[in-house]
Amino acid sequence: MQYEPTLSRDELIDIATIKYFGNVDAKNIDAAMECFNDEAMLCVQTEFTRHAGKTAIRRMLEDFTAAYATIVHKDFTCTVDETNGRVTASFEAVLTGHDGDVTRLYNTNFWRFREGKFQEVYVYFSGSNVLV
């Protein structure tokens, strides 16, 4: 199903990289959750893991942010399909554990929007799934 596009190219990039990842990095879960529709789905394609609905996605993000002292998503390369309301980003995720160990992942996310918010998110990890 195709949803009516409502966001510009710059808005699509902003919601994915700043409003979502910026708030995840700041561990501001409430603000990050504002990016999702109530019945949104987030799938980790490389692990066949699915989080359906805001409650499940919130729990996953809370567990993820609690597991690391710091989280940094950076060096985004975005490709935008403004006509169909989709954006993808390849990026580096630098996760520093509470013990000081650093995990670096090179991931790609694909977002599909409905009414200006995430309806579907597909995540591809270069390493192990940290979104359980």
N, C-alpha and C. Protein backbone atom coordinates (compact mmCIF):
# COMPACT_ATOMS: atom_id res chain seq x y z
N MET A 1 0.84 -1.18 0.00
CA MET A 1 0.00 0.00 0.00
C MET A 1 0.88 1.24 0.00
N GLN A 2 0.53 2.21 -0.79
CA GLN A 2 1.26 3.48 -0.83
C GLN A 2 0.47 4.53 -0.06
N TYR A 3 1.16 5.28 0.79
CA TYR A 3 0.53 6.35 1.55
C TYR A 3 0.77 7.68 0.86
N GLU A 4 -0.15 8.59 1.01
CA GLU A 4 -0.02 9.92 0.42
C GLU A 4 1.17 10.65 1.05
N PRO A 5 2.12 11.10 0.24
CA PRO A 5 3.28 11.80 0.81
C PRO A 5 2.88 13.17 1.35
N THR A 6 3.47 13.55 2.49
CA THR A 6 3.14 14.84 3.10
C THR A 6 4.38 15.64 3.49
N LEU A 7 5.57 15.06 3.38
CA LEU A 7 6.78 15.73 3.82
C LEU A 7 7.72 16.02 2.64
N SER A 8 8.45 17.11 2.76
CA SER A 8 9.45 17.45 1.75
C SER A 8 10.71 16.61 1.97
N ARG A 9 11.61 16.70 1.03
CA ARG A 9 12.88 15.99 1.13
C ARG A 9 13.60 16.34 2.43
N ASP A 10 13.73 17.63 2.72
CA ASP A 10 14.42 18.08 3.93
C ASP A 10 13.71 17.61 5.19
N GLU A 11 12.38 17.62 5.18
CA GLU A 11 11.62 17.15 6.34
C GLU A 11 11.80 15.65 6.57
N LEU A 12 11.86 14.87 5.51
CA LEU A 12 12.08 13.43 5.64
C LEU A 12 13.44 13.14 6.27
N ILE A 13 14.45 13.84 5.81
CA ILE A 13 15.80 13.67 6.37
C ILE A 13 15.82 14.13 7.82
N ASP A 14 15.18 15.24 8.12
CA ASP A 14 15.17 15.79 9.48
C ASP A 14 14.50 14.84 10.48
N ILE A 15 13.37 14.29 10.13
CA ILE A 15 12.69 13.41 11.09
C ILE A 15 13.51 12.14 11.34
N ALA A 16 14.17 11.61 10.31
CA ALA A 16 14.95 10.39 10.48
C ALA A 16 16.25 10.63 11.24
N THR A 17 16.99 11.67 10.87
CA THR A 17 18.33 11.84 11.44
C THR A 17 18.36 12.72 12.70
N ILE A 18 17.51 13.74 12.76
CA ILE A 18 17.54 14.66 13.89
C ILE A 18 16.47 14.32 14.93
N LYS A 19 15.21 14.29 14.49
CA LYS A 19 14.12 14.06 15.45
C LYS A 19 14.14 12.64 16.02
N TYR A 20 14.52 11.67 15.20
CA TYR A 20 14.57 10.30 15.70
C TYR A 20 15.95 9.99 16.30
N PHE A 21 16.99 9.89 15.46
CA PHE A 21 18.29 9.50 15.98
C PHE A 21 18.85 10.51 16.97
N GLY A 22 18.63 11.79 16.75
CA GLY A 22 19.10 12.79 17.71
C GLY A 22 18.51 12.58 19.09
N ASN A 23 17.23 12.23 19.14
CA ASN A 23 16.59 11.98 20.43
C ASN A 23 16.95 10.62 21.01
N VAL A 24 17.17 9.63 20.17
CA VAL A 24 17.67 8.35 20.68
C VAL A 24 19.03 8.56 21.32
N ASP A 25 19.91 9.28 20.64
CA ASP A 25 21.25 9.54 21.19
C ASP A 25 21.18 10.31 22.50
N ALA A 26 20.22 11.23 22.62
CA ALA A 26 20.03 12.01 23.85
C ALA A 26 19.25 11.23 24.91
N LYS A 27 18.83 10.02 24.54
CA LYS A 27 18.02 9.15 25.41
C LYS A 27 16.70 9.82 25.80
N ASN A 28 16.16 10.60 24.88
CA ASN A 28 14.87 11.26 25.06
C ASN A 28 13.83 10.40 24.32
N ILE A 29 13.38 9.36 24.99
CA ILE A 29 12.50 8.37 24.36
C ILE A 29 11.15 8.97 23.98
N ASP A 30 10.60 9.84 24.82
CA ASP A 30 9.30 10.44 24.50
C ASP A 30 9.36 11.19 23.17
N ALA A 31 10.40 11.97 22.96
CA ALA A 31 10.53 12.73 21.71
C ALA A 31 10.78 11.79 20.54
N ALA A 32 11.59 10.76 20.71
CA ALA A 32 11.83 9.79 19.63
C ALA A 32 10.54 9.07 19.26
N MET A 33 9.71 8.77 20.23
CA MET A 33 8.45 8.06 19.97
C MET A 33 7.45 8.92 19.21
N GLU A 34 7.60 10.24 19.27
CA GLU A 34 6.72 11.13 18.50
C GLU A 34 6.88 10.94 17.00
N CYS A 35 7.95 10.29 16.58
CA CYS A 35 8.20 10.05 15.16
C CYS A 35 7.36 8.89 14.61
N PHE A 36 6.74 8.09 15.48
CA PHE A 36 6.04 6.87 15.07
C PHE A 36 4.52 7.02 15.10
N ASN A 37 3.86 6.42 14.13
CA ASN A 37 2.41 6.23 14.21
C ASN A 37 2.12 5.17 15.27
N ASP A 38 0.90 5.18 15.80
CA ASP A 38 0.53 4.23 16.86
C ASP A 38 0.74 2.78 16.46
N GLU A 39 0.42 2.45 15.21
CA GLU A 39 0.51 1.06 14.76
C GLU A 39 1.76 0.80 13.91
N ALA A 40 2.79 1.61 14.12
CA ALA A 40 4.04 1.46 13.36
C ALA A 40 4.71 0.12 13.64
N MET A 41 5.59 -0.26 12.73
CA MET A 41 6.34 -1.49 12.87
C MET A 41 7.81 -1.21 12.62
N LEU A 42 8.68 -1.78 13.45
CA LEU A 42 10.12 -1.68 13.26
C LEU A 42 10.65 -3.10 13.15
N CYS A 43 11.29 -3.40 12.03
CA CYS A 43 11.84 -4.75 11.78
C CYS A 43 13.35 -4.68 11.65
N VAL A 44 14.04 -5.54 12.37
CA VAL A 44 15.47 -5.72 12.16
C VAL A 44 15.60 -6.86 11.17
N GLN A 45 15.80 -6.49 9.91
CA GLN A 45 15.80 -7.46 8.82
C GLN A 45 16.92 -8.49 8.94
N THR A 46 18.07 -8.08 9.46
CA THR A 46 19.20 -8.98 9.54
C THR A 46 19.06 -10.00 10.67
N GLU A 47 18.07 -9.84 11.52
CA GLU A 47 17.84 -10.77 12.63
C GLU A 47 16.41 -11.32 12.66
N PHE A 48 15.59 -10.89 11.72
CA PHE A 48 14.19 -11.32 11.65
C PHE A 48 13.44 -11.01 12.94
N THR A 49 13.70 -9.81 13.48
CA THR A 49 13.05 -9.35 14.70
C THR A 49 12.06 -8.26 14.35
N ARG A 50 10.87 -8.32 14.94
CA ARG A 50 9.83 -7.33 14.67
C ARG A 50 9.30 -6.76 15.97
N HIS A 51 9.13 -5.43 15.97
CA HIS A 51 8.50 -4.71 17.08
C HIS A 51 7.30 -4.00 16.49
N ALA A 52 6.10 -4.43 16.86
CA ALA A 52 4.86 -3.91 16.27
C ALA A 52 4.11 -3.06 17.29
N GLY A 53 3.84 -1.81 16.90
CA GLY A 53 3.09 -0.89 17.76
C GLY A 53 4.02 -0.08 18.65
N LYS A 54 3.53 1.07 19.07
CA LYS A 54 4.35 2.00 19.85
C LYS A 54 4.78 1.42 21.20
N THR A 55 3.96 0.61 21.82
CA THR A 55 4.35 0.03 23.11
C THR A 55 5.57 -0.85 22.97
N ALA A 56 5.59 -1.70 21.96
CA ALA A 56 6.72 -2.60 21.74
C ALA A 56 7.97 -1.82 21.31
N ILE A 57 7.78 -0.81 20.48
CA ILE A 57 8.91 -0.01 20.02
C ILE A 57 9.49 0.79 21.19
N ARG A 58 8.64 1.35 22.03
CA ARG A 58 9.11 2.09 23.21
C ARG A 58 9.92 1.18 24.13
N ARG A 59 9.43 -0.01 24.40
CA ARG A 59 10.15 -0.94 25.27
C ARG A 59 11.52 -1.26 24.69
N MET A 60 11.58 -1.50 23.38
CA MET A 60 12.84 -1.79 22.71
C MET A 60 13.81 -0.61 22.85
N LEU A 61 13.34 0.62 22.61
CA LEU A 61 14.20 1.79 22.73
C LEU A 61 14.65 2.03 24.17
N GLU A 62 13.77 1.81 25.13
CA GLU A 62 14.15 1.97 26.53
C GLU A 62 15.24 0.98 26.91
N ASP A 63 15.10 -0.27 26.49
CA ASP A 63 16.13 -1.29 26.77
C ASP A 63 17.44 -0.94 26.07
N PHE A 64 17.37 -0.50 24.82
CA PHE A 64 18.55 -0.14 24.05
C PHE A 64 19.31 1.01 24.71
N THR A 65 18.60 2.09 25.04
CA THR A 65 19.29 3.26 25.61
C THR A 65 19.83 2.98 27.01
N ALA A 66 19.17 2.10 27.76
CA ALA A 66 19.67 1.76 29.10
C ALA A 66 20.92 0.88 29.03
N ALA A 67 21.10 0.16 27.95
CA ALA A 67 22.22 -0.78 27.82
C ALA A 67 23.56 -0.09 27.56
N TYR A 68 23.55 1.18 27.18
CA TYR A 68 24.79 1.88 26.80
C TYR A 68 24.92 3.20 27.54
N ALA A 69 26.15 3.53 27.90
CA ALA A 69 26.43 4.83 28.54
C ALA A 69 26.21 5.96 27.55
N THR A 70 26.70 5.77 26.32
CA THR A 70 26.46 6.77 25.27
C THR A 70 26.15 6.06 23.96
N ILE A 71 25.33 6.73 23.16
CA ILE A 71 24.95 6.25 21.84
C ILE A 71 25.12 7.42 20.88
N VAL A 72 25.83 7.19 19.78
CA VAL A 72 26.03 8.24 18.78
C VAL A 72 25.77 7.65 17.40
N HIS A 73 24.84 8.23 16.68
CA HIS A 73 24.59 7.91 15.28
C HIS A 73 25.15 9.07 14.47
N LYS A 74 26.00 8.76 13.47
CA LYS A 74 26.67 9.85 12.75
C LYS A 74 27.00 9.46 11.31
N ASP A 75 27.50 10.45 10.59
CA ASP A 75 27.95 10.27 9.21
C ASP A 75 26.85 9.68 8.33
N PHE A 76 25.71 10.34 8.34
CA PHE A 76 24.55 9.88 7.57
C PHE A 76 24.73 10.13 6.08
N THR A 77 24.39 9.13 5.29
CA THR A 77 24.22 9.29 3.85
C THR A 77 22.79 8.92 3.54
N CYS A 78 21.99 9.90 3.13
CA CYS A 78 20.56 9.69 2.93
C CYS A 78 20.20 9.65 1.45
N THR A 79 19.25 8.80 1.14
CA THR A 79 18.62 8.77 -0.17
C THR A 79 17.13 8.96 0.07
N VAL A 80 16.53 9.89 -0.68
CA VAL A 80 15.15 10.27 -0.42
C VAL A 80 14.28 10.04 -1.64
N ASP A 81 13.11 9.46 -1.40
CA ASP A 81 12.05 9.35 -2.41
C ASP A 81 10.91 10.23 -1.92
N GLU A 82 11.01 11.52 -2.23
CA GLU A 82 10.02 12.48 -1.75
C GLU A 82 8.64 12.19 -2.31
N THR A 83 8.58 11.75 -3.55
CA THR A 83 7.30 11.48 -4.20
C THR A 83 6.50 10.42 -3.46
N ASN A 84 7.18 9.43 -2.88
CA ASN A 84 6.50 8.33 -2.21
C ASN A 84 6.67 8.36 -0.69
N GLY A 85 7.27 9.40 -0.13
CA GLY A 85 7.39 9.54 1.31
C GLY A 85 8.27 8.48 1.95
N ARG A 86 9.47 8.32 1.39
CA ARG A 86 10.41 7.33 1.93
C ARG A 86 11.81 7.92 2.00
N VAL A 87 12.57 7.44 2.95
CA VAL A 87 13.97 7.85 3.08
C VAL A 87 14.77 6.66 3.59
N THR A 88 16.01 6.61 3.19
CA THR A 88 16.94 5.61 3.71
C THR A 88 18.19 6.33 4.17
N ALA A 89 18.85 5.79 5.18
CA ALA A 89 20.10 6.38 5.66
C ALA A 89 21.08 5.27 6.00
N SER A 90 22.28 5.43 5.51
CA SER A 90 23.41 4.60 5.95
C SER A 90 24.20 5.46 6.91
N PHE A 91 24.74 4.85 7.97
CA PHE A 91 25.37 5.63 9.03
C PHE A 91 26.24 4.74 9.89
N GLU A 92 27.02 5.39 10.75
CA GLU A 92 27.79 4.67 11.76
C GLU A 92 27.11 4.88 13.10
N ALA A 93 26.99 3.81 13.87
CA ALA A 93 26.49 3.88 15.24
C ALA A 93 27.65 3.51 16.16
N VAL A 94 27.96 4.41 17.09
CA VAL A 94 29.03 4.18 18.05
C VAL A 94 28.38 4.03 19.42
N LEU A 95 28.47 2.83 19.97
CA LEU A 95 27.80 2.50 21.22
C LEU A 95 28.87 2.26 22.29
N THR A 96 28.86 3.05 23.34
CA THR A 96 29.83 2.89 24.42
C THR A 96 29.11 2.28 25.62
N GLY A 97 29.57 1.10 26.01
CA GLY A 97 28.97 0.39 27.13
C GLY A 97 29.31 1.05 28.46
N HIS A 98 28.61 0.64 29.49
CA HIS A 98 28.85 1.17 30.83
C HIS A 98 30.24 0.79 31.33
N ASP A 99 30.84 -0.24 30.74
CA ASP A 99 32.19 -0.67 31.09
C ASP A 99 33.26 -0.01 30.23
N GLY A 100 32.85 0.87 29.32
CA GLY A 100 33.78 1.58 28.45
C GLY A 100 34.05 0.90 27.12
N ASP A 101 33.59 -0.32 26.94
CA ASP A 101 33.77 -1.00 25.65
C ASP A 101 32.97 -0.29 24.57
N VAL A 102 33.57 -0.18 23.38
CA VAL A 102 32.94 0.53 22.27
C VAL A 102 32.58 -0.46 21.17
N THR A 103 31.34 -0.38 20.71
CA THR A 103 30.86 -1.17 19.57
C THR A 103 30.57 -0.20 18.44
N ARG A 104 31.11 -0.51 17.26
CA ARG A 104 30.85 0.30 16.07
C ARG A 104 30.06 -0.54 15.07
N LEU A 105 28.96 0.01 14.63
CA LEU A 105 28.12 -0.66 13.64
C LEU A 105 27.94 0.26 12.44
N TYR A 106 27.87 -0.32 11.26
CA TYR A 106 27.63 0.43 10.03
C TYR A 106 26.31 -0.10 9.48
N ASN A 107 25.26 0.67 9.71
CA ASN A 107 23.90 0.21 9.47
C ASN A 107 23.20 1.00 8.38
N THR A 108 22.09 0.45 7.94
CA THR A 108 21.21 1.15 7.01
C THR A 108 19.78 0.98 7.49
N ASN A 109 19.05 2.09 7.53
CA ASN A 109 17.63 2.07 7.88
C ASN A 109 16.82 2.55 6.69
N PHE A 110 15.64 1.96 6.53
CA PHE A 110 14.67 2.37 5.52
C PHE A 110 13.40 2.76 6.24
N TRP A 111 12.89 3.97 5.96
CA TRP A 111 11.66 4.45 6.60
C TRP A 111 10.58 4.67 5.56
N ARG A 112 9.38 4.23 5.91
CA ARG A 112 8.19 4.49 5.11
C ARG A 112 7.25 5.32 5.99
N PHE A 113 6.76 6.43 5.46
CA PHE A 113 5.97 7.38 6.24
C PHE A 113 4.49 7.30 5.90
N ARG A 114 3.68 7.58 6.92
CA ARG A 114 2.24 7.77 6.73
C ARG A 114 1.84 8.95 7.60
N GLU A 115 1.22 9.93 6.98
CA GLU A 115 0.76 11.13 7.69
C GLU A 115 1.89 11.80 8.48
N GLY A 116 3.08 11.84 7.88
CA GLY A 116 4.19 12.57 8.47
C GLY A 116 4.96 11.87 9.56
N LYS A 117 4.64 10.59 9.81
CA LYS A 117 5.33 9.83 10.85
C LYS A 117 5.74 8.46 10.30
N PHE A 118 6.65 7.79 11.03
CA PHE A 118 7.09 6.46 10.62
C PHE A 118 5.94 5.47 10.69
N GLN A 119 5.72 4.77 9.60
CA GLN A 119 4.77 3.66 9.58
C GLN A 119 5.53 2.33 9.60
N GLU A 120 6.61 2.28 8.84
CA GLU A 120 7.45 1.08 8.78
C GLU A 120 8.91 1.51 8.83
N VAL A 121 9.69 0.80 9.63
CA VAL A 121 11.13 1.02 9.70
C VAL A 121 11.80 -0.33 9.52
N TYR A 122 12.74 -0.40 8.58
CA TYR A 122 13.50 -1.63 8.33
C TYR A 122 14.96 -1.34 8.61
N VAL A 123 15.56 -2.13 9.49
CA VAL A 123 16.93 -1.92 9.96
C VAL A 123 17.80 -3.07 9.50
N TYR A 124 18.96 -2.72 8.95
CA TYR A 124 19.96 -3.70 8.55
C TYR A 124 21.24 -3.40 9.34
N PHE A 125 21.68 -4.36 10.15
CA PHE A 125 22.87 -4.21 10.99
C PHE A 125 24.09 -4.83 10.32
N SER A 126 25.26 -4.22 10.55
CA SER A 126 26.51 -4.81 10.10
C SER A 126 27.02 -5.83 11.11
N GLY A 127 26.47 -5.82 12.31
CA GLY A 127 26.87 -6.75 13.36
C GLY A 127 25.65 -7.30 14.05
N SER A 128 25.82 -7.65 15.29
CA SER A 128 24.72 -8.23 16.07
C SER A 128 23.63 -7.23 16.32
N ASN A 129 22.41 -7.74 16.45
CA ASN A 129 21.24 -6.93 16.72
C ASN A 129 21.29 -6.40 18.15
N VAL A 130 21.29 -5.08 18.31
CA VAL A 130 21.26 -4.46 19.64
C VAL A 130 19.86 -3.96 19.99
N LEU A 131 18.90 -4.19 19.09
CA LEU A 131 17.51 -3.74 19.31
C LEU A 131 16.62 -4.93 19.60
N VAL A 132 16.79 -5.52 20.75
CA VAL A 132 16.02 -6.71 21.10
C VAL A 132 14.90 -6.39 22.05
